[in-house]
């Protein structure tokens, strides 16, 4: 438990009688790359919404860094504590350069416009250069962000998040719409980030999950269905039934008939 950075206990979300999440438990360790999977309507994105403060649970508790109860905190308060949320569509400044996007995102007390006018310190410049290298956009620092490919825009936004120094990143389908090459690069980037930060990824691309997951949490109808390695999850008959609509042993009996 010493390494746990986020603990969600018996979280329930009720939307006017519809329970999107029902008594969900989730424990995230420091430096963990966790994938949250399940069929459409399982409650995965709603779970991210609860953690980042966009949705308030009807019941249950969310604790950050062992002692900070964030269950009722506002979104900006949770972000300031160190939990960053990325949605499916990249949120960047398309008319600014890649470098300028990262400059704006850098964690500092100055406001956005003051940050653009302020003289960059050498250490700030070095941080941005290091971030450009990490996200693979060092040769496109002077490009307008709107001219990047879809995958590159996603990497830029991840870089912007990292410059705000979060302890946890929440990513919703980060590889949706990417090419195979971009998907592979994204997986390697997430592995690199997880050396220093914790990541929760909601994802439908099972090949991507198989290639990069260390631990998988499966949700169904707002509840925890199965948790473990990808191998454990794939062997579970309940997971097979949820995804395929039939039990694996029934499939096996037909294949041998």
C-alpha atoms as a PDB file:
ATOM      1  CA  UNK A   1       0.000   0.000   0.000  1.00  0.00           C
ATOM      2  CA  UNK A   2       2.991   2.346   0.381  1.00  0.00           C
ATOM      3  CA  UNK A   3       3.211   2.741  -3.393  1.00  0.00           C
ATOM      4  CA  UNK A   4      -0.502   3.433  -3.941  1.00  0.00           C
ATOM      5  CA  UNK A   5      -1.075   6.908  -5.386  1.00  0.00           C
ATOM      6  CA  UNK A   6      -4.823   6.686  -6.085  1.00  0.00           C
ATOM      7  CA  UNK A   7      -7.523   4.754  -4.271  1.00  0.00           C
ATOM      8  CA  UNK A   8     -11.157   4.649  -5.415  1.00  0.00           C
ATOM      9  CA  UNK A   9     -13.434   2.916  -2.917  1.00  0.00           C
ATOM     10  CA  UNK A  10     -17.007   1.796  -3.658  1.00  0.00           C
ATOM     11  CA  UNK A  11     -17.571   4.580  -6.177  1.00  0.00           C
ATOM     12  CA  UNK A  12     -21.135   4.875  -7.454  1.00  0.00           C
ATOM     13  CA  UNK A  13     -22.457   7.348 -10.019  1.00  0.00           C
ATOM     14  CA  UNK A  14     -26.219   7.646 -10.453  1.00  0.00           C
ATOM     15  CA  UNK A  15     -27.551   9.713 -13.364  1.00  0.00           C
ATOM     16  CA  UNK A  16     -31.240  10.181 -12.500  1.00  0.00           C
ATOM     17  CA  UNK A  17     -31.733   6.516 -11.690  1.00  0.00           C
ATOM     18  CA  UNK A  18     -29.211   5.090 -14.150  1.00  0.00           C
ATOM     19  CA  UNK A  19     -26.189   3.753 -12.307  1.00  0.00           C
ATOM     20  CA  UNK A  20     -23.271   4.414 -14.656  1.00  0.00           C
ATOM     21  CA  UNK A  21     -20.878   3.113 -11.975  1.00  0.00           C
ATOM     22  CA  UNK A  22     -21.852   0.698  -9.216  1.00  0.00           C
ATOM     23  CA  UNK A  23     -19.519   0.231  -6.255  1.00  0.00           C
ATOM     24  CA  UNK A  24     -16.325   0.426  -8.311  1.00  0.00           C
ATOM     25  CA  UNK A  25     -12.955  -0.092  -6.624  1.00  0.00           C
ATOM     26  CA  UNK A  26      -9.695   0.916  -8.265  1.00  0.00           C
ATOM     27  CA  UNK A  27      -6.196   1.109  -6.804  1.00  0.00           C
ATOM     28  CA  UNK A  28      -3.360   2.675  -8.806  1.00  0.00           C
ATOM     29  CA  UNK A  29       0.319   2.418  -7.896  1.00  0.00           C
ATOM     30  CA  UNK A  30       3.076   4.939  -8.539  1.00  0.00           C
ATOM     31  CA  UNK A  31       4.727   4.426 -11.915  1.00  0.00           C
ATOM     32  CA  UNK A  32       1.975   2.108 -13.143  1.00  0.00           C
ATOM     33  CA  UNK A  33       0.600   1.981 -16.685  1.00  0.00           C
ATOM     34  CA  UNK A  34      -2.979   0.745 -16.177  1.00  0.00           C
ATOM     35  CA  UNK A  35      -5.417   0.004 -18.968  1.00  0.00           C
ATOM     36  CA  UNK A  36      -9.151   0.301 -18.294  1.00  0.00           C
ATOM     37  CA  UNK A  37     -11.148  -1.745 -20.788  1.00  0.00           C
ATOM     38  CA  UNK A  38     -14.678  -3.011 -21.294  1.00  0.00           C
ATOM     39  CA  UNK A  39     -17.565  -2.851 -23.787  1.00  0.00           C
ATOM     40  CA  UNK A  40     -19.314   0.397 -24.651  1.00  0.00           C
ATOM     41  CA  UNK A  41     -21.348   1.672 -21.699  1.00  0.00           C
ATOM     42  CA  UNK A  42     -19.192  -0.117 -19.132  1.00  0.00           C
ATOM     43  CA  UNK A  43     -18.492   3.128 -17.263  1.00  0.00           C
ATOM     44  CA  UNK A  44     -14.826   3.553 -18.188  1.00  0.00           C
ATOM     45  CA  UNK A  45     -14.921   7.206 -19.247  1.00  0.00           C
ATOM     46  CA  UNK A  46     -17.256   8.039 -16.358  1.00  0.00           C
ATOM     47  CA  UNK A  47     -14.632   6.597 -14.027  1.00  0.00           C
ATOM     48  CA  UNK A  48     -12.037   8.985 -15.445  1.00  0.00           C
ATOM     49  CA  UNK A  49     -14.579  11.802 -15.060  1.00  0.00           C
ATOM     50  CA  UNK A  50     -14.910  10.975 -11.369  1.00  0.00           C
ATOM     51  CA  UNK A  51     -11.155  10.924 -10.777  1.00  0.00           C
ATOM     52  CA  UNK A  52     -10.598  14.298 -12.471  1.00  0.00           C
ATOM     53  CA  UNK A  53     -13.624  15.892 -10.790  1.00  0.00           C
ATOM     54  CA  UNK A  54     -15.804  16.393 -13.862  1.00  0.00           C
ATOM     55  CA  UNK A  55     -18.438  14.087 -12.345  1.00  0.00           C
ATOM     56  CA  UNK A  56     -19.177  13.837  -8.630  1.00  0.00           C
ATOM     57  CA  UNK A  57     -19.935  10.344  -7.319  1.00  0.00           C
ATOM     58  CA  UNK A  58     -23.236   9.626  -5.628  1.00  0.00           C
ATOM     59  CA  UNK A  59     -21.402   7.450  -3.128  1.00  0.00           C
ATOM     60  CA  UNK A  60     -17.877   6.267  -2.402  1.00  0.00           C
ATOM     61  CA  UNK A  61     -14.545   7.991  -2.004  1.00  0.00           C
ATOM     62  CA  UNK A  62     -11.502   8.917  -4.113  1.00  0.00           C
ATOM     63  CA  UNK A  63      -8.206   9.452  -2.285  1.00  0.00           C
ATOM     64  CA  UNK A  64      -5.049  10.833  -3.916  1.00  0.00           C
ATOM     65  CA  UNK A  65      -1.534  10.337  -2.542  1.00  0.00           C
ATOM     66  CA  UNK A  66      -2.818   8.306   0.440  1.00  0.00           C
ATOM     67  CA  UNK A  67      -4.231  11.222   2.432  1.00  0.00           C
ATOM     68  CA  UNK A  68      -5.970  13.728   0.129  1.00  0.00           C
ATOM     69  CA  UNK A  69      -9.709  13.150  -0.281  1.00  0.00           C
ATOM     70  CA  UNK A  70     -10.536  14.558  -3.742  1.00  0.00           C
ATOM     71  CA  UNK A  71     -14.086  13.172  -3.934  1.00  0.00           C
ATOM     72  CA  UNK A  72     -15.746  16.603  -3.743  1.00  0.00           C
ATOM     73  CA  UNK A  73     -12.964  18.807  -5.049  1.00  0.00           C
ATOM     74  CA  UNK A  74     -13.413  20.861  -8.212  1.00  0.00           C
ATOM     75  CA  UNK A  75     -11.683  20.008 -11.475  1.00  0.00           C
ATOM     76  CA  UNK A  76      -9.111  22.794 -11.280  1.00  0.00           C
ATOM     77  CA  UNK A  77      -8.257  21.878  -7.682  1.00  0.00           C
ATOM     78  CA  UNK A  78      -7.625  18.268  -8.673  1.00  0.00           C
ATOM     79  CA  UNK A  79      -5.528  19.383 -11.643  1.00  0.00           C
ATOM     80  CA  UNK A  80      -3.439  21.597  -9.376  1.00  0.00           C
ATOM     81  CA  UNK A  81      -2.826  18.642  -7.049  1.00  0.00           C
ATOM     82  CA  UNK A  82      -1.286  16.701  -9.941  1.00  0.00           C
ATOM     83  CA  UNK A  83      -3.939  14.772 -11.885  1.00  0.00           C
ATOM     84  CA  UNK A  84      -4.051  15.601 -15.602  1.00  0.00           C
ATOM     85  CA  UNK A  85      -6.860  14.560 -17.928  1.00  0.00           C
ATOM     86  CA  UNK A  86      -6.643  14.202 -21.693  1.00  0.00           C
ATOM     87  CA  UNK A  87      -9.808  13.748 -23.727  1.00  0.00           C
ATOM     88  CA  UNK A  88     -10.124  11.949 -27.078  1.00  0.00           C
ATOM     89  CA  UNK A  89      -9.884  15.099 -29.234  1.00  0.00           C
ATOM     90  CA  UNK A  90      -6.527  16.924 -28.978  1.00  0.00           C
ATOM     91  CA  UNK A  91      -6.792  20.278 -27.203  1.00  0.00           C
ATOM     92  CA  UNK A  92      -3.990  22.379 -28.651  1.00  0.00           C
ATOM     93  CA  UNK A  93      -3.536  25.875 -30.096  1.00  0.00           C
ATOM     94  CA  UNK A  94      -3.482  25.133 -33.850  1.00  0.00           C
ATOM     95  CA  UNK A  95      -2.306  28.593 -34.991  1.00  0.00           C
ATOM     96  CA  UNK A  96       0.699  28.585 -32.643  1.00  0.00           C
ATOM     97  CA  UNK A  97       3.901  26.623 -33.168  1.00  0.00           C
ATOM     98  CA  UNK A  98       4.631  23.364 -31.423  1.00  0.00           C
ATOM     99  CA  UNK A  99       7.207  25.170 -29.280  1.00  0.00           C
ATOM    100  CA  UNK A 100       4.744  27.929 -28.345  1.00  0.00           C
ATOM    101  CA  UNK A 101       2.139  25.339 -27.310  1.00  0.00           C
ATOM    102  CA  UNK A 102       4.640  23.773 -24.928  1.00  0.00           C
ATOM    103  CA  UNK A 103       5.715  27.180 -23.675  1.00  0.00           C
ATOM    104  CA  UNK A 104       2.140  28.070 -22.746  1.00  0.00           C
ATOM    105  CA  UNK A 105       1.627  24.740 -21.014  1.00  0.00           C
ATOM    106  CA  UNK A 106       4.698  25.035 -18.809  1.00  0.00           C
ATOM    107  CA  UNK A 107       3.792  25.129 -15.154  1.00  0.00           C
ATOM    108  CA  UNK A 108       4.319  28.618 -13.819  1.00  0.00           C
ATOM    109  CA  UNK A 109       2.487  31.303 -11.862  1.00  0.00           C
ATOM    110  CA  UNK A 110       2.202  33.683 -14.790  1.00  0.00           C
ATOM    111  CA  UNK A 111      -0.997  33.668 -16.821  1.00  0.00           C
ATOM    112  CA  UNK A 112      -1.163  32.442 -20.422  1.00  0.00           C
ATOM    113  CA  UNK A 113      -0.585  35.807 -22.124  1.00  0.00           C
ATOM    114  CA  UNK A 114       2.044  36.864 -19.629  1.00  0.00           C
ATOM    115  CA  UNK A 115       3.801  33.585 -20.305  1.00  0.00           C
ATOM    116  CA  UNK A 116       3.921  34.360 -24.017  1.00  0.00           C
ATOM    117  CA  UNK A 117       5.464  37.793 -23.384  1.00  0.00           C
ATOM    118  CA  UNK A 118       7.881  36.754 -20.661  1.00  0.00           C
ATOM    119  CA  UNK A 119      11.509  36.090 -21.510  1.00  0.00           C
ATOM    120  CA  UNK A 120      12.286  32.401 -21.420  1.00  0.00           C
ATOM    121  CA  UNK A 121      14.825  31.319 -18.853  1.00  0.00           C
ATOM    122  CA  UNK A 122      17.480  28.892 -20.073  1.00  0.00           C
ATOM    123  CA  UNK A 123      16.177  26.142 -17.772  1.00  0.00           C
ATOM    124  CA  UNK A 124      12.674  26.595 -19.213  1.00  0.00           C
ATOM    125  CA  UNK A 125      14.066  26.309 -22.728  1.00  0.00           C
ATOM    126  CA  UNK A 126      15.960  23.153 -21.774  1.00  0.00           C
ATOM    127  CA  UNK A 127      12.794  21.589 -20.335  1.00  0.00           C
ATOM    128  CA  UNK A 128      10.878  22.294 -23.534  1.00  0.00           C
ATOM    129  CA  UNK A 129      13.704  20.918 -25.677  1.00  0.00           C
ATOM    130  CA  UNK A 130      13.745  17.744 -23.580  1.00  0.00           C
ATOM    131  CA  UNK A 131       9.978  17.435 -23.930  1.00  0.00           C
ATOM    132  CA  UNK A 132      10.164  17.903 -27.698  1.00  0.00           C
ATOM    133  CA  UNK A 133      12.637  15.043 -27.870  1.00  0.00           C
ATOM    134  CA  UNK A 134      10.491  12.793 -25.692  1.00  0.00           C
ATOM    135  CA  UNK A 135       7.372  13.266 -27.828  1.00  0.00           C
ATOM    136  CA  UNK A 136       9.359  12.978 -31.061  1.00  0.00           C
ATOM    137  CA  UNK A 137       8.654  16.486 -32.367  1.00  0.00           C
ATOM    138  CA  UNK A 138      12.102  18.049 -31.986  1.00  0.00           C
ATOM    139  CA  UNK A 139      12.366  18.596 -35.757  1.00  0.00           C
ATOM    140  CA  UNK A 140       8.918  20.233 -35.884  1.00  0.00           C
ATOM    141  CA  UNK A 141       9.263  22.765 -33.064  1.00  0.00           C
ATOM    142  CA  UNK A 142       8.599  25.649 -35.468  1.00  0.00           C
ATOM    143  CA  UNK A 143       5.656  24.012 -37.223  1.00  0.00           C
ATOM    144  CA  UNK A 144       2.157  25.368 -36.719  1.00  0.00           C
ATOM    145  CA  UNK A 145       0.434  22.822 -34.500  1.00  0.00           C
ATOM    146  CA  UNK A 146      -2.562  22.704 -36.848  1.00  0.00           C
ATOM    147  CA  UNK A 147      -0.303  21.255 -39.557  1.00  0.00           C
ATOM    148  CA  UNK A 148       0.679  18.189 -37.548  1.00  0.00           C
ATOM    149  CA  UNK A 149      -0.730  14.722 -38.203  1.00  0.00           C
ATOM    150  CA  UNK A 150      -3.417  13.415 -35.861  1.00  0.00           C
ATOM    151  CA  UNK A 151      -0.925  11.301 -33.955  1.00  0.00           C
ATOM    152  CA  UNK A 152       1.532  14.179 -33.631  1.00  0.00           C
ATOM    153  CA  UNK A 153      -1.214  16.404 -32.227  1.00  0.00           C
ATOM    154  CA  UNK A 154      -1.908  13.760 -29.598  1.00  0.00           C
ATOM    155  CA  UNK A 155       1.784  13.595 -28.674  1.00  0.00           C
ATOM    156  CA  UNK A 156       1.938  17.383 -28.458  1.00  0.00           C
ATOM    157  CA  UNK A 157      -0.963  17.468 -26.025  1.00  0.00           C
ATOM    158  CA  UNK A 158       0.644  14.737 -23.924  1.00  0.00           C
ATOM    159  CA  UNK A 159       3.835  16.834 -23.896  1.00  0.00           C
ATOM    160  CA  UNK A 160       1.820  19.867 -22.805  1.00  0.00           C
ATOM    161  CA  UNK A 161       0.335  17.854 -19.963  1.00  0.00           C
ATOM    162  CA  UNK A 162       3.740  16.617 -18.846  1.00  0.00           C
ATOM    163  CA  UNK A 163       5.121  20.146 -18.600  1.00  0.00           C
ATOM    164  CA  UNK A 164       2.422  20.825 -15.999  1.00  0.00           C
ATOM    165  CA  UNK A 165       4.101  18.117 -13.893  1.00  0.00           C
ATOM    166  CA  UNK A 166       1.174  15.808 -13.094  1.00  0.00           C
ATOM    167  CA  UNK A 167       1.661  12.721 -10.957  1.00  0.00           C
ATOM    168  CA  UNK A 168      -1.207  10.918 -12.709  1.00  0.00           C
ATOM    169  CA  UNK A 169      -2.235  11.115 -16.372  1.00  0.00           C
ATOM    170  CA  UNK A 170      -5.747  10.071 -17.406  1.00  0.00           C
ATOM    171  CA  UNK A 171      -5.956   9.292 -21.138  1.00  0.00           C
ATOM    172  CA  UNK A 172      -9.163   8.490 -23.037  1.00  0.00           C
ATOM    173  CA  UNK A 173      -8.528   6.395 -26.173  1.00  0.00           C
ATOM    174  CA  UNK A 174      -5.206   8.065 -27.045  1.00  0.00           C
ATOM    175  CA  UNK A 175      -4.550   5.934 -30.161  1.00  0.00           C
ATOM    176  CA  UNK A 176      -7.993   6.261 -31.772  1.00  0.00           C
ATOM    177  CA  UNK A 177      -7.550   7.315 -35.408  1.00  0.00           C
ATOM    178  CA  UNK A 178      -3.788   6.748 -35.425  1.00  0.00           C
ATOM    179  CA  UNK A 179      -1.805   4.820 -38.005  1.00  0.00           C
ATOM    180  CA  UNK A 180      -0.144   1.565 -36.940  1.00  0.00           C
ATOM    181  CA  UNK A 181       3.215   3.320 -36.741  1.00  0.00           C
ATOM    182  CA  UNK A 182       1.800   6.169 -34.629  1.00  0.00           C
ATOM    183  CA  UNK A 183       0.086   3.651 -32.346  1.00  0.00           C
ATOM    184  CA  UNK A 184       3.374   1.823 -31.755  1.00  0.00           C
ATOM    185  CA  UNK A 185       5.192   5.089 -31.020  1.00  0.00           C
ATOM    186  CA  UNK A 186       2.436   6.118 -28.594  1.00  0.00           C
ATOM    187  CA  UNK A 187       2.776   2.864 -26.689  1.00  0.00           C
ATOM    188  CA  UNK A 188       6.524   3.342 -26.357  1.00  0.00           C
ATOM    189  CA  UNK A 189       5.950   6.940 -25.197  1.00  0.00           C
ATOM    190  CA  UNK A 190       3.518   5.802 -22.498  1.00  0.00           C
ATOM    191  CA  UNK A 191       5.996   3.183 -21.291  1.00  0.00           C
ATOM    192  CA  UNK A 192       8.659   5.879 -21.030  1.00  0.00           C
ATOM    193  CA  UNK A 193       6.326   8.237 -19.132  1.00  0.00           C
ATOM    194  CA  UNK A 194       5.324   5.493 -16.687  1.00  0.00           C
ATOM    195  CA  UNK A 195       8.894   5.374 -15.376  1.00  0.00           C
ATOM    196  CA  UNK A 196       8.135   8.558 -13.437  1.00  0.00           C
ATOM    197  CA  UNK A 197       4.342   9.008 -13.521  1.00  0.00           C
ATOM    198  CA  UNK A 198       1.241   6.884 -13.182  1.00  0.00           C
ATOM    199  CA  UNK A 199      -1.090   6.516 -16.168  1.00  0.00           C
ATOM    200  CA  UNK A 200      -4.667   5.284 -16.572  1.00  0.00           C
ATOM    201  CA  UNK A 201      -5.668   4.599 -20.188  1.00  0.00           C
ATOM    202  CA  UNK A 202      -9.210   3.916 -21.379  1.00  0.00           C
ATOM    203  CA  UNK A 203      -8.784   1.941 -24.596  1.00  0.00           C
ATOM    204  CA  UNK A 204     -10.754  -0.160 -27.108  1.00  0.00           C
ATOM    205  CA  UNK A 205      -7.807  -1.208 -29.281  1.00  0.00           C
ATOM    206  CA  UNK A 206      -7.130  -4.666 -27.865  1.00  0.00           C
ATOM    207  CA  UNK A 207      -3.969  -5.162 -29.898  1.00  0.00           C
ATOM    208  CA  UNK A 208      -2.558  -1.983 -28.383  1.00  0.00           C
ATOM    209  CA  UNK A 209      -3.559  -3.172 -24.897  1.00  0.00           C
ATOM    210  CA  UNK A 210      -1.965  -6.593 -25.451  1.00  0.00           C
ATOM    211  CA  UNK A 211       1.297  -5.014 -26.583  1.00  0.00           C
ATOM    212  CA  UNK A 212       1.714  -2.467 -23.802  1.00  0.00           C
ATOM    213  CA  UNK A 213      -0.417  -3.317 -20.757  1.00  0.00           C
ATOM    214  CA  UNK A 214       1.202  -4.372 -17.496  1.00  0.00           C
ATOM    215  CA  UNK A 215      -2.109  -4.504 -15.638  1.00  0.00           C
ATOM    216  CA  UNK A 216      -5.654  -4.433 -16.982  1.00  0.00           C
ATOM    217  CA  UNK A 217      -8.920  -3.540 -15.262  1.00  0.00           C
ATOM    218  CA  UNK A 218     -12.074  -4.791 -16.993  1.00  0.00           C
ATOM    219  CA  UNK A 219     -15.360  -2.995 -16.322  1.00  0.00           C
ATOM    220  CA  UNK A 220     -18.868  -4.171 -17.222  1.00  0.00           C
ATOM    221  CA  UNK A 221     -22.140  -2.415 -16.453  1.00  0.00           C
ATOM    222  CA  UNK A 222     -20.378  -0.010 -14.114  1.00  0.00           C
ATOM    223  CA  UNK A 223     -18.705  -2.717 -12.058  1.00  0.00           C
ATOM    224  CA  UNK A 224     -15.289  -4.314 -11.750  1.00  0.00           C
ATOM    225  CA  UNK A 225     -15.397  -7.567 -13.704  1.00  0.00           C
ATOM    226  CA  UNK A 226     -11.769  -8.693 -13.735  1.00  0.00           C
ATOM    227  CA  UNK A 227      -8.323  -7.313 -12.938  1.00  0.00           C
ATOM    228  CA  UNK A 228      -4.856  -8.653 -13.622  1.00  0.00           C
ATOM    229  CA  UNK A 229      -2.381  -9.192 -16.436  1.00  0.00           C
ATOM    230  CA  UNK A 230      -3.626  -9.275 -20.020  1.00  0.00           C
ATOM    231  CA  UNK A 231      -3.049 -13.039 -20.025  1.00  0.00           C
ATOM    232  CA  UNK A 232      -5.247 -13.464 -16.925  1.00  0.00           C
ATOM    233  CA  UNK A 233      -7.969 -11.314 -18.439  1.00  0.00           C
ATOM    234  CA  UNK A 234      -7.934 -13.156 -21.772  1.00  0.00           C
ATOM    235  CA  UNK A 235      -8.329 -16.522 -20.026  1.00  0.00           C
ATOM    236  CA  UNK A 236     -11.367 -15.404 -18.025  1.00  0.00           C
ATOM    237  CA  UNK A 237     -14.676 -16.870 -19.293  1.00  0.00           C
ATOM    238  CA  UNK A 238     -16.677 -13.914 -17.955  1.00  0.00           C
ATOM    239  CA  UNK A 239     -14.579 -11.477 -19.968  1.00  0.00           C
ATOM    240  CA  UNK A 240     -14.978 -13.625 -23.091  1.00  0.00           C
ATOM    241  CA  UNK A 241     -18.733 -13.667 -22.567  1.00  0.00           C
ATOM    242  CA  UNK A 242     -18.911  -9.875 -22.137  1.00  0.00           C
ATOM    243  CA  UNK A 243     -16.876  -9.176 -25.274  1.00  0.00           C
ATOM    244  CA  UNK A 244     -18.075 -12.012 -27.501  1.00  0.00           C
ATOM    245  CA  UNK A 245     -21.568 -12.628 -26.177  1.00  0.00           C
ATOM    246  CA  UNK A 246     -20.815 -16.303 -25.596  1.00  0.00           C
ATOM    247  CA  UNK A 247     -18.740 -18.458 -23.309  1.00  0.00           C
ATOM    248  CA  UNK A 248     -15.399 -19.843 -24.436  1.00  0.00           C
ATOM    249  CA  UNK A 249     -16.251 -23.394 -23.366  1.00  0.00           C
ATOM    250  CA  UNK A 250     -19.296 -23.298 -25.679  1.00  0.00           C
ATOM    251  CA  UNK A 251     -17.038 -22.213 -28.544  1.00  0.00           C
ATOM    252  CA  UNK A 252     -14.609 -25.008 -27.720  1.00  0.00           C
ATOM    253  CA  UNK A 253     -17.343 -27.664 -27.755  1.00  0.00           C
ATOM    254  CA  UNK A 254     -18.503 -26.502 -31.203  1.00  0.00           C
ATOM    255  CA  UNK A 255     -14.948 -26.458 -32.582  1.00  0.00           C
ATOM    256  CA  UNK A 256     -14.425 -30.088 -31.571  1.00  0.00           C
ATOM    257  CA  UNK A 257     -17.831 -31.266 -32.801  1.00  0.00           C
END
